Amino acid sequence: MSLLVLAAALLLWPSRSPRRRVMHGSRRAVRVDPGRLPVIAAAAVVLVTVLALGPAPAVAVTVVAATVLLRRRATTRRRAGRAVTASLVGGVDTMVAELAVGADPAAACRAVARDHPGEVGSRFAAAAAHSELGGALSTGLVGAGGRGDDRSDWTRMAECWVICERYGLAPAVVLRSVRDDLDARVRFGRRTEAATAGSRATATVLSVLPVLGIVLGQAMGAAPLAVLTGNGAGGVLGVVGVTLVCAGLAWTDRIVAGVVR
């Protein structure tokens, strides 16, 4: 019980010091990070479950909440990565057009940063600054982001630029090939995502079926909720069952993610 209260307090702990909150309180209201809201809501549900039903149902609810949050975060990360790749396609188009009319690489990167805000713009702006200071443009492309799962996009761009510099190839021609490859990957990812939507939906429906069985048993008077929410063997079986269902969802997501990737 004390550990759950401590966890809730840590989740709600303010991110700024008291002095800064007092100094800036009159100018703007304190805002809660939207990314923390699902975690705070899950912690509140777990705390209420502990107080109302006991530790075994709280463990089961914690497993369910963690599974929902992890699946939601993975979906958000996957969509964000695909959006960055789609934006990168437009950025490479802009850079190829600038290089084709005789612009130097740093100016072409500046044009991309101006026309494509967000991660793509920040990467190309850093690459332009790196090149203007005498460094390698490829190093600026790779080192500007900080994402650990983007080797297939940014590192490929940097390697192509290194090849152009090393062998004297025309950057516009090589980057046009990179653009075609990125565009094909985006279209393939969208088609695969649509094709695997049925598998994801099937896994979600199958995970809900045990809940329907509990509802039917409750309606028949077997009182499965009283058994599963108890602190004896029924509570342990409930936790084990919920854990197995969530593990099945996680395994299904891993298989589908391997196909989409």
C-alpha atoms as a PDB file:
ATOM      1  CA  MET A   1       0.000   0.000   0.000  1.00  0.00           C
ATOM      2  CA  SER A   2       2.737   2.465   0.954  1.00  0.00           C
ATOM      3  CA  LEU A   3       4.669   1.623  -2.215  1.00  0.00           C
ATOM      4  CA  LEU A   4       1.637   2.437  -4.381  1.00  0.00           C
ATOM      5  CA  VAL A   5       1.123   5.750  -2.621  1.00  0.00           C
ATOM      6  CA  LEU A   6       4.814   6.551  -3.102  1.00  0.00           C
ATOM      7  CA  ALA A   7       4.600   5.684  -6.811  1.00  0.00           C
ATOM      8  CA  ALA A   8       1.571   7.961  -7.251  1.00  0.00           C
ATOM      9  CA  ALA A   9       3.419  10.780  -5.463  1.00  0.00           C
ATOM     10  CA  LEU A  10       6.421  10.384  -7.772  1.00  0.00           C
ATOM     11  CA  LEU A  11       4.193  10.506 -10.834  1.00  0.00           C
ATOM     12  CA  LEU A  12       2.578  13.717  -9.605  1.00  0.00           C
ATOM     13  CA  TRP A  13       5.864  15.291  -8.491  1.00  0.00           C
ATOM     14  CA  PRO A  14       6.270  18.766 -10.066  1.00  0.00           C
ATOM     15  CA  SER A  15       9.023  19.169 -12.644  1.00  0.00           C
ATOM     16  CA  ARG A  16      10.058  22.707 -11.594  1.00  0.00           C
ATOM     17  CA  SER A  17      11.523  23.983  -8.349  1.00  0.00           C
ATOM     18  CA  PRO A  18       9.235  25.841  -5.862  1.00  0.00           C
ATOM     19  CA  ARG A  19      11.104  29.111  -6.382  1.00  0.00           C
ATOM     20  CA  ARG A  20      10.585  28.976 -10.157  1.00  0.00           C
ATOM     21  CA  ARG A  21       6.916  28.109  -9.708  1.00  0.00           C
ATOM     22  CA  VAL A  22       6.440  31.117  -7.421  1.00  0.00           C
ATOM     23  CA  MET A  23       8.372  33.447  -9.723  1.00  0.00           C
ATOM     24  CA  HIS A  24       6.536  32.380 -12.881  1.00  0.00           C
ATOM     25  CA  GLY A  25       3.153  31.578 -11.375  1.00  0.00           C
ATOM     26  CA  SER A  26       1.708  35.008 -12.093  1.00  0.00           C
ATOM     27  CA  ARG A  27       2.642  34.871 -15.758  1.00  0.00           C
ATOM     28  CA  ARG A  28       1.480  31.422 -16.768  1.00  0.00           C
ATOM     29  CA  ALA A  29      -0.361  28.511 -15.235  1.00  0.00           C
ATOM     30  CA  VAL A  30       1.397  25.264 -14.369  1.00  0.00           C
ATOM     31  CA  ARG A  31       0.742  22.730 -17.092  1.00  0.00           C
ATOM     32  CA  VAL A  32       0.760  18.959 -16.834  1.00  0.00           C
ATOM     33  CA  ASP A  33       2.699  17.097 -19.475  1.00  0.00           C
ATOM     34  CA  PRO A  34       0.091  15.368 -21.707  1.00  0.00           C
ATOM     35  CA  GLY A  35       2.355  12.339 -21.964  1.00  0.00           C
ATOM     36  CA  ARG A  36       2.036  11.762 -18.214  1.00  0.00           C
ATOM     37  CA  LEU A  37      -1.766  11.794 -18.157  1.00  0.00           C
ATOM     38  CA  PRO A  38      -2.258   8.107 -19.138  1.00  0.00           C
ATOM     39  CA  VAL A  39       0.334   7.041 -16.546  1.00  0.00           C
ATOM     40  CA  ILE A  40      -1.320   9.153 -13.854  1.00  0.00           C
ATOM     41  CA  ALA A  41      -4.746   7.754 -14.757  1.00  0.00           C
ATOM     42  CA  ALA A  42      -3.409   4.178 -14.644  1.00  0.00           C
ATOM     43  CA  ALA A  43      -1.814   4.810 -11.238  1.00  0.00           C
ATOM     44  CA  ALA A  44      -5.099   6.218  -9.942  1.00  0.00           C
ATOM     45  CA  VAL A  45      -7.019   3.160 -11.175  1.00  0.00           C
ATOM     46  CA  VAL A  46      -4.526   0.815  -9.514  1.00  0.00           C
ATOM     47  CA  LEU A  47      -4.738   2.739  -6.255  1.00  0.00           C
ATOM     48  CA  VAL A  48      -8.540   2.648  -6.265  1.00  0.00           C
ATOM     49  CA  THR A  49      -8.452  -1.083  -7.028  1.00  0.00           C
ATOM     50  CA  VAL A  50      -6.163  -1.724  -4.067  1.00  0.00           C
ATOM     51  CA  LEU A  51      -8.415   0.189  -1.716  1.00  0.00           C
ATOM     52  CA  ALA A  52     -11.622  -1.402  -3.016  1.00  0.00           C
ATOM     53  CA  LEU A  53     -10.712  -5.011  -3.860  1.00  0.00           C
ATOM     54  CA  GLY A  54      -7.299  -5.883  -2.490  1.00  0.00           C
ATOM     55  CA  PRO A  55      -3.790  -6.663  -3.727  1.00  0.00           C
ATOM     56  CA  ALA A  56      -4.491  -9.504  -6.188  1.00  0.00           C
ATOM     57  CA  PRO A  57      -6.936  -7.532  -8.371  1.00  0.00           C
ATOM     58  CA  ALA A  58      -4.569  -4.562  -8.149  1.00  0.00           C
ATOM     59  CA  VAL A  59      -1.744  -6.662  -9.607  1.00  0.00           C
ATOM     60  CA  ALA A  60      -4.020  -7.809 -12.435  1.00  0.00           C
ATOM     61  CA  VAL A  61      -5.115  -4.230 -13.147  1.00  0.00           C
ATOM     62  CA  THR A  62      -1.470  -3.123 -13.105  1.00  0.00           C
ATOM     63  CA  VAL A  63      -0.572  -5.737 -15.734  1.00  0.00           C
ATOM     64  CA  VAL A  64      -3.504  -4.654 -17.921  1.00  0.00           C
ATOM     65  CA  ALA A  65      -2.660  -0.961 -17.550  1.00  0.00           C
ATOM     66  CA  ALA A  66       1.007  -1.571 -18.379  1.00  0.00           C
ATOM     67  CA  THR A  67       0.042  -3.577 -21.463  1.00  0.00           C
ATOM     68  CA  VAL A  68      -2.336  -0.871 -22.694  1.00  0.00           C
ATOM     69  CA  LEU A  69       0.242   1.875 -22.143  1.00  0.00           C
ATOM     70  CA  LEU A  70       3.032  -0.067 -23.869  1.00  0.00           C
ATOM     71  CA  ARG A  71       0.839  -0.885 -26.875  1.00  0.00           C
ATOM     72  CA  ARG A  72      -0.279   2.725 -27.133  1.00  0.00           C
ATOM     73  CA  ARG A  73       3.308   3.964 -26.920  1.00  0.00           C
ATOM     74  CA  ALA A  74       4.475   1.487 -29.567  1.00  0.00           C
ATOM     75  CA  THR A  75       1.681   2.558 -31.917  1.00  0.00           C
ATOM     76  CA  THR A  76       2.510   6.234 -31.390  1.00  0.00           C
ATOM     77  CA  ARG A  77       6.221   5.595 -31.987  1.00  0.00           C
ATOM     78  CA  ARG A  78       5.509   3.595 -35.144  1.00  0.00           C
ATOM     79  CA  ARG A  79       3.239   6.283 -36.591  1.00  0.00           C
ATOM     80  CA  ALA A  80       5.700   9.033 -35.688  1.00  0.00           C
ATOM     81  CA  GLY A  81       8.544   7.172 -37.387  1.00  0.00           C
ATOM     82  CA  ARG A  82       6.487   6.681 -40.542  1.00  0.00           C
ATOM     83  CA  ALA A  83       5.535  10.367 -40.548  1.00  0.00           C
ATOM     84  CA  VAL A  84       9.210  11.365 -40.244  1.00  0.00           C
ATOM     85  CA  THR A  85      10.120   9.080 -43.148  1.00  0.00           C
ATOM     86  CA  ALA A  86       7.340  10.553 -45.285  1.00  0.00           C
ATOM     87  CA  SER A  87       8.553  14.052 -44.435  1.00  0.00           C
ATOM     88  CA  LEU A  88      12.104  12.997 -45.265  1.00  0.00           C
ATOM     89  CA  VAL A  89      10.944  12.018 -48.756  1.00  0.00           C
ATOM     90  CA  GLY A  90       9.771  15.588 -49.310  1.00  0.00           C
ATOM     91  CA  GLY A  91      12.999  16.922 -47.816  1.00  0.00           C
ATOM     92  CA  VAL A  92      15.134  14.863 -50.192  1.00  0.00           C
ATOM     93  CA  ASP A  93      12.995  16.093 -53.090  1.00  0.00           C
ATOM     94  CA  THR A  94      13.713  19.680 -52.058  1.00  0.00           C
ATOM     95  CA  MET A  95      17.432  19.008 -51.687  1.00  0.00           C
ATOM     96  CA  VAL A  96      17.641  17.321 -55.100  1.00  0.00           C
ATOM     97  CA  ALA A  97      15.881  20.293 -56.693  1.00  0.00           C
ATOM     98  CA  GLU A  98      18.255  22.754 -55.005  1.00  0.00           C
ATOM     99  CA  LEU A  99      21.351  20.783 -56.004  1.00  0.00           C
ATOM    100  CA  ALA A 100      20.071  20.477 -59.582  1.00  0.00           C
ATOM    101  CA  VAL A 101      20.010  24.276 -59.987  1.00  0.00           C
ATOM    102  CA  GLY A 102      23.556  24.664 -58.677  1.00  0.00           C
ATOM    103  CA  ALA A 103      23.086  25.352 -54.953  1.00  0.00           C
ATOM    104  CA  ASP A 104      25.851  24.249 -52.621  1.00  0.00           C
ATOM    105  CA  PRO A 105      25.032  21.453 -50.130  1.00  0.00           C
ATOM    106  CA  ALA A 106      24.778  23.769 -47.119  1.00  0.00           C
ATOM    107  CA  ALA A 107      22.327  26.064 -48.923  1.00  0.00           C
ATOM    108  CA  ALA A 108      20.307  23.040 -50.054  1.00  0.00           C
ATOM    109  CA  CYS A 109      20.099  21.828 -46.452  1.00  0.00           C
ATOM    110  CA  ARG A 110      18.983  25.293 -45.362  1.00  0.00           C
ATOM    111  CA  ALA A 111      16.204  25.176 -47.963  1.00  0.00           C
ATOM    112  CA  VAL A 112      15.071  21.789 -46.633  1.00  0.00           C
ATOM    113  CA  ALA A 113      15.087  23.110 -43.054  1.00  0.00           C
ATOM    114  CA  ARG A 114      13.011  26.102 -44.145  1.00  0.00           C
ATOM    115  CA  ASP A 115      10.400  24.112 -46.089  1.00  0.00           C
ATOM    116  CA  HIS A 116      10.105  21.078 -43.778  1.00  0.00           C
ATOM    117  CA  PRO A 117       9.797  21.939 -40.066  1.00  0.00           C
ATOM    118  CA  GLY A 118      10.085  19.326 -37.375  1.00  0.00           C
ATOM    119  CA  GLU A 119      12.692  16.608 -37.008  1.00  0.00           C
ATOM    120  CA  VAL A 120      13.601  16.653 -40.713  1.00  0.00           C
ATOM    121  CA  GLY A 121      14.143  20.413 -40.660  1.00  0.00           C
ATOM    122  CA  SER A 122      16.210  20.304 -37.476  1.00  0.00           C
ATOM    123  CA  ARG A 123      18.427  17.530 -38.849  1.00  0.00           C
ATOM    124  CA  PHE A 124      19.111  19.331 -42.108  1.00  0.00           C
ATOM    125  CA  ALA A 125      19.663  22.649 -40.303  1.00  0.00           C
ATOM    126  CA  ALA A 126      22.252  20.953 -38.083  1.00  0.00           C
ATOM    127  CA  ALA A 127      23.860  19.360 -41.131  1.00  0.00           C
ATOM    128  CA  ALA A 128      24.058  22.783 -42.852  1.00  0.00           C
ATOM    129  CA  ALA A 129      25.628  24.373 -39.782  1.00  0.00           C
ATOM    130  CA  HIS A 130      28.077  21.486 -39.502  1.00  0.00           C
ATOM    131  CA  SER A 131      29.056  21.867 -43.151  1.00  0.00           C
ATOM    132  CA  GLU A 132      29.447  25.662 -42.895  1.00  0.00           C
ATOM    133  CA  LEU A 133      31.828  25.211 -39.970  1.00  0.00           C
ATOM    134  CA  GLY A 134      34.048  22.934 -42.025  1.00  0.00           C
ATOM    135  CA  GLY A 135      32.750  19.574 -40.858  1.00  0.00           C
ATOM    136  CA  ALA A 136      31.241  16.728 -42.830  1.00  0.00           C
ATOM    137  CA  LEU A 137      27.607  17.136 -43.810  1.00  0.00           C
ATOM    138  CA  SER A 138      27.021  13.433 -43.194  1.00  0.00           C
ATOM    139  CA  THR A 139      28.129  13.773 -39.569  1.00  0.00           C
ATOM    140  CA  GLY A 140      25.589  16.546 -39.049  1.00  0.00           C
ATOM    141  CA  LEU A 141      22.786  14.393 -40.463  1.00  0.00           C
ATOM    142  CA  VAL A 142      23.508  11.471 -38.143  1.00  0.00           C
ATOM    143  CA  GLY A 143      24.366  13.397 -34.980  1.00  0.00           C
ATOM    144  CA  ALA A 144      21.483  15.872 -34.915  1.00  0.00           C
ATOM    145  CA  GLY A 145      18.650  13.625 -33.904  1.00  0.00           C
ATOM    146  CA  GLY A 146      19.148  11.432 -30.886  1.00  0.00           C
ATOM    147  CA  ARG A 147      16.740   8.684 -31.970  1.00  0.00           C
ATOM    148  CA  GLY A 148      18.188   5.226 -31.599  1.00  0.00           C
ATOM    149  CA  ASP A 149      16.021   3.371 -34.133  1.00  0.00           C
ATOM    150  CA  ASP A 150      16.571   5.501 -37.242  1.00  0.00           C
ATOM    151  CA  ARG A 151      19.568   3.810 -38.856  1.00  0.00           C
ATOM    152  CA  SER A 152      17.528   2.822 -41.901  1.00  0.00           C
ATOM    153  CA  ASP A 153      16.784   6.497 -42.708  1.00  0.00           C
ATOM    154  CA  TRP A 154      19.369   8.998 -41.531  1.00  0.00           C
ATOM    155  CA  THR A 155      22.425   6.781 -41.559  1.00  0.00           C
ATOM    156  CA  ARG A 156      21.589   5.684 -45.096  1.00  0.00           C
ATOM    157  CA  MET A 157      21.408   9.344 -46.100  1.00  0.00           C
ATOM    158  CA  ALA A 158      24.795  10.027 -44.490  1.00  0.00           C
ATOM    159  CA  GLU A 159      26.410   6.978 -46.090  1.00  0.00           C
ATOM    160  CA  CYS A 160      25.156   8.008 -49.523  1.00  0.00           C
ATOM    161  CA  TRP A 161      26.623  11.459 -49.050  1.00  0.00           C
ATOM    162  CA  VAL A 162      29.962   9.960 -47.985  1.00  0.00           C
ATOM    163  CA  ILE A 163      29.957   7.827 -51.141  1.00  0.00           C
ATOM    164  CA  CYS A 164      29.333  10.928 -53.258  1.00  0.00           C
ATOM    165  CA  GLU A 165      32.221  12.778 -51.628  1.00  0.00           C
ATOM    166  CA  ARG A 166      34.594   9.819 -51.807  1.00  0.00           C
ATOM    167  CA  TYR A 167      33.996   8.786 -55.428  1.00  0.00           C
ATOM    168  CA  GLY A 168      32.960  12.097 -56.960  1.00  0.00           C
ATOM    169  CA  LEU A 169      29.424  11.055 -57.824  1.00  0.00           C
ATOM    170  CA  ALA A 170      26.663  13.560 -58.514  1.00  0.00           C
ATOM    171  CA  PRO A 171      24.751  13.992 -55.233  1.00  0.00           C
ATOM    172  CA  ALA A 172      21.467  14.749 -57.008  1.00  0.00           C
ATOM    173  CA  VAL A 173      21.507  11.385 -58.805  1.00  0.00           C
ATOM    174  CA  VAL A 174      22.336   9.378 -55.682  1.00  0.00           C
ATOM    175  CA  LEU A 175      19.846  11.263 -53.504  1.00  0.00           C
ATOM    176  CA  ARG A 176      17.134  10.714 -56.098  1.00  0.00           C
ATOM    177  CA  SER A 177      17.702   6.974 -55.725  1.00  0.00           C
ATOM    178  CA  VAL A 178      17.524   7.338 -51.937  1.00  0.00           C
ATOM    179  CA  ARG A 179      14.282   9.272 -52.312  1.00  0.00           C
ATOM    180  CA  ASP A 180      12.756   6.501 -54.463  1.00  0.00           C
ATOM    181  CA  ASP A 181      13.800   3.898 -51.896  1.00  0.00           C
ATOM    182  CA  LEU A 182      12.325   5.887 -49.005  1.00  0.00           C
ATOM    183  CA  ASP A 183       9.079   6.457 -50.883  1.00  0.00           C
ATOM    184  CA  ALA A 184       8.802   2.733 -51.665  1.00  0.00           C
ATOM    185  CA  ARG A 185       9.401   1.893 -48.010  1.00  0.00           C
ATOM    186  CA  VAL A 186       6.702   4.319 -46.872  1.00  0.00           C
ATOM    187  CA  ARG A 187       4.167   2.895 -49.316  1.00  0.00           C
ATOM    188  CA  PHE A 188       5.098  -0.675 -48.362  1.00  0.00           C
ATOM    189  CA  GLY A 189       4.731   0.164 -44.663  1.00  0.00           C
ATOM    190  CA  ARG A 190       1.270   1.598 -45.214  1.00  0.00           C
ATOM    191  CA  ARG A 191       0.135  -1.425 -47.213  1.00  0.00           C
ATOM    192  CA  THR A 192       1.532  -3.825 -44.622  1.00  0.00           C
ATOM    193  CA  GLU A 193      -0.054  -1.855 -41.787  1.00  0.00           C
ATOM    194  CA  ALA A 194      -3.433  -2.110 -43.501  1.00  0.00           C
ATOM    195  CA  ALA A 195      -2.933  -5.817 -44.209  1.00  0.00           C
ATOM    196  CA  THR A 196      -2.057  -6.623 -40.580  1.00  0.00           C
ATOM    197  CA  ALA A 197      -4.882  -4.557 -39.089  1.00  0.00           C
ATOM    198  CA  GLY A 198      -7.100  -7.648 -39.132  1.00  0.00           C
ATOM    199  CA  SER A 199      -4.558  -9.662 -37.143  1.00  0.00           C
ATOM    200  CA  ARG A 200      -4.277  -6.932 -34.520  1.00  0.00           C
ATOM    201  CA  ALA A 201      -8.049  -6.675 -34.241  1.00  0.00           C
ATOM    202  CA  THR A 202      -8.375 -10.466 -33.931  1.00  0.00           C
ATOM    203  CA  ALA A 203      -5.819 -10.570 -31.126  1.00  0.00           C
ATOM    204  CA  THR A 204      -7.643  -7.778 -29.288  1.00  0.00           C
ATOM    205  CA  VAL A 205     -11.014  -9.530 -29.640  1.00  0.00           C
ATOM    206  CA  LEU A 206      -9.583 -12.833 -28.414  1.00  0.00           C
ATOM    207  CA  SER A 207      -8.127 -11.094 -25.374  1.00  0.00           C
ATOM    208  CA  VAL A 208     -11.585  -9.785 -24.467  1.00  0.00           C
ATOM    209  CA  LEU A 209     -13.301 -13.194 -24.693  1.00  0.00           C
ATOM    210  CA  PRO A 210     -12.306 -14.271 -21.136  1.00  0.00           C
ATOM    211  CA  VAL A 211     -14.024 -11.131 -19.852  1.00  0.00           C
ATOM    212  CA  LEU A 212     -17.221 -12.184 -21.635  1.00  0.00           C
ATOM    213  CA  GLY A 213     -16.913 -15.615 -20.016  1.00  0.00           C
ATOM    214  CA  ILE A 214     -16.676 -13.990 -16.584  1.00  0.00           C
ATOM    215  CA  VAL A 215     -19.733 -11.857 -17.355  1.00  0.00           C
ATOM    216  CA  LEU A 216     -21.721 -14.924 -18.424  1.00  0.00           C
ATOM    217  CA  GLY A 217     -20.658 -16.819 -15.303  1.00  0.00           C
ATOM    218  CA  GLN A 218     -21.703 -13.892 -13.140  1.00  0.00           C
ATOM    219  CA  ALA A 219     -25.076 -13.743 -14.887  1.00  0.00           C
ATOM    220  CA  MET A 220     -25.583 -17.479 -14.271  1.00  0.00           C
ATOM    221  CA  GLY A 221     -24.943 -17.046 -10.571  1.00  0.00           C
ATOM    222  CA  ALA A 222     -21.565 -18.798 -10.431  1.00  0.00           C
ATOM    223  CA  ALA A 223     -19.991 -15.659  -8.903  1.00  0.00           C
ATOM    224  CA  PRO A 224     -16.589 -15.852 -10.643  1.00  0.00           C
ATOM    225  CA  LEU A 225     -15.789 -12.275  -9.625  1.00  0.00           C
ATOM    226  CA  ALA A 226     -15.914 -13.185  -5.957  1.00  0.00           C
ATOM    227  CA  VAL A 227     -13.410 -15.974  -6.599  1.00  0.00           C
ATOM    228  CA  LEU A 228     -11.045 -14.008  -8.842  1.00  0.00           C
ATOM    229  CA  THR A 229     -10.983 -10.930  -6.624  1.00  0.00           C
ATOM    230  CA  GLY A 230     -10.255 -12.884  -3.479  1.00  0.00           C
ATOM    231  CA  ASN A 231      -6.872 -13.160  -1.834  1.00  0.00           C
ATOM    232  CA  GLY A 232      -6.661 -16.952  -2.052  1.00  0.00           C
ATOM    233  CA  ALA A 233      -6.064 -19.310  -4.968  1.00  0.00           C
ATOM    234  CA  GLY A 234      -8.722 -17.551  -7.052  1.00  0.00           C
ATOM    235  CA  GLY A 235      -6.869 -14.249  -6.881  1.00  0.00           C
ATOM    236  CA  VAL A 236      -3.620 -15.958  -7.909  1.00  0.00           C
ATOM    237  CA  LEU A 237      -5.353 -17.649 -10.843  1.00  0.00           C
ATOM    238  CA  GLY A 238      -6.832 -14.311 -11.888  1.00  0.00           C
ATOM    239  CA  VAL A 239      -3.407 -12.689 -11.933  1.00  0.00           C
ATOM    240  CA  VAL A 240      -1.928 -15.611 -13.869  1.00  0.00           C
ATOM    241  CA  GLY A 241      -4.755 -15.538 -16.407  1.00  0.00           C
ATOM    242  CA  VAL A 242      -4.487 -11.794 -16.973  1.00  0.00           C
ATOM    243  CA  THR A 243      -0.707 -12.073 -17.312  1.00  0.00           C
ATOM    244  CA  LEU A 244      -1.017 -14.834 -19.917  1.00  0.00           C
ATOM    245  CA  VAL A 245      -3.558 -12.849 -21.941  1.00  0.00           C
ATOM    246  CA  CYS A 246      -1.359  -9.735 -21.906  1.00  0.00           C
ATOM    247  CA  ALA A 247       1.693 -11.816 -22.803  1.00  0.00           C
ATOM    248  CA  GLY A 248      -0.237 -13.204 -25.783  1.00  0.00           C
ATOM    249  CA  LEU A 249      -1.049  -9.656 -26.923  1.00  0.00           C
ATOM    250  CA  ALA A 250       2.582  -8.616 -26.569  1.00  0.00           C
ATOM    251  CA  TRP A 251       3.750 -11.655 -28.524  1.00  0.00           C
ATOM    252  CA  THR A 252       1.217 -10.962 -31.297  1.00  0.00           C
ATOM    253  CA  ASP A 253       2.372  -7.347 -31.500  1.00  0.00           C
ATOM    254  CA  ARG A 254       5.977  -8.503 -31.767  1.00  0.00           C
ATOM    255  CA  ILE A 255       5.171 -10.874 -34.633  1.00  0.00           C
ATOM    256  CA  VAL A 256       3.178  -8.231 -36.508  1.00  0.00           C
ATOM    257  CA  ALA A 257       5.864  -5.595 -35.880  1.00  0.00           C
ATOM    258  CA  GLY A 258       8.436  -7.909 -37.447  1.00  0.00           C
ATOM    259  CA  VAL A 259       6.301  -8.145 -40.584  1.00  0.00           C
ATOM    260  CA  VAL A 260       5.674  -4.378 -40.748  1.00  0.00           C
ATOM    261  CA  ARG A 261       9.316  -3.571 -40.198  1.00  0.00           C
END
